Amino acid sequence: MIFRQLFDTASGTYSYLLASRAGGEALILDPVLEKVDRYCQLLRELDLK
């Protein structure tokens, strides 16, 4: 299990990445629309889908 807490200073929002190491499936909880590129980059770096 992968768990990451991500903070957006502009909106003051905490978002969370949850993922399965075994299957590579991931989800983002409470995402910030303006940070989608950041989330996609993180998913690529961690080899997640």
Protein backbone atom coordinates (compact mmCIF):
# COMPACT_ATOMS: atom_id res chain seq x y z
CA MET A 1 0.00 0.00 0.00
CA ILE A 2 1.23 3.44 -0.92
CA PHE A 3 -0.09 6.50 0.91
CA ARG A 4 0.98 10.08 0.21
CA GLN A 5 -0.39 13.31 1.59
CA LEU A 6 -0.14 16.22 -0.85
CA PHE A 7 -0.69 19.85 0.16
CA ASP A 8 -1.68 22.71 -2.14
CA THR A 9 -0.61 25.99 -0.56
CA ALA A 10 -2.76 28.17 -2.84
CA SER A 11 -6.04 26.54 -1.77
CA GLY A 12 -4.94 25.16 1.60
CA THR A 13 -6.18 21.73 0.49
CA TYR A 14 -4.76 18.37 1.49
CA SER A 15 -5.13 15.68 -1.18
CA TYR A 16 -4.22 12.04 -0.75
CA LEU A 17 -2.76 9.39 -3.03
CA LEU A 18 -3.71 5.80 -2.21
CA ALA A 19 -2.32 2.96 -4.31
CA SER A 20 -1.75 -0.77 -4.42
CA ARG A 21 1.88 -1.81 -4.91
CA ALA A 22 0.79 -5.23 -6.19
CA GLY A 23 -1.61 -4.10 -8.90
CA GLY A 24 -0.44 -0.54 -9.46
CA GLU A 25 -3.95 0.93 -9.20
CA ALA A 26 -4.12 4.38 -7.65
CA LEU A 27 -6.64 7.01 -6.66
CA ILE A 28 -6.45 10.63 -5.57
CA LEU A 29 -8.81 11.77 -2.81
CA ASP A 30 -9.87 15.44 -2.67
CA PRO A 31 -7.87 16.50 -5.75
CA VAL A 32 -7.24 20.12 -6.73
CA LEU A 33 -8.04 20.67 -10.42
CA GLU A 34 -5.04 22.95 -10.95
CA LYS A 35 -2.68 20.20 -9.73
CA VAL A 36 -3.69 17.44 -12.19
CA ASP A 37 -0.31 17.67 -13.96
CA ARG A 38 1.45 17.21 -10.62
CA TYR A 39 -0.66 14.13 -9.84
CA CYS A 40 0.02 12.61 -13.28
CA GLN A 41 3.75 13.18 -12.87
CA LEU A 42 3.71 11.48 -9.46
CA LEU A 43 1.78 8.50 -10.85
CA ARG A 44 4.37 8.12 -13.64
CA GLU A 45 7.27 8.38 -11.17
CA LEU A 46 5.74 5.66 -8.99
CA ASP A 47 4.74 3.54 -12.03
CA LEU A 48 1.05 3.65 -11.09
CA LYS A 49 -2.14 3.84 -13.14
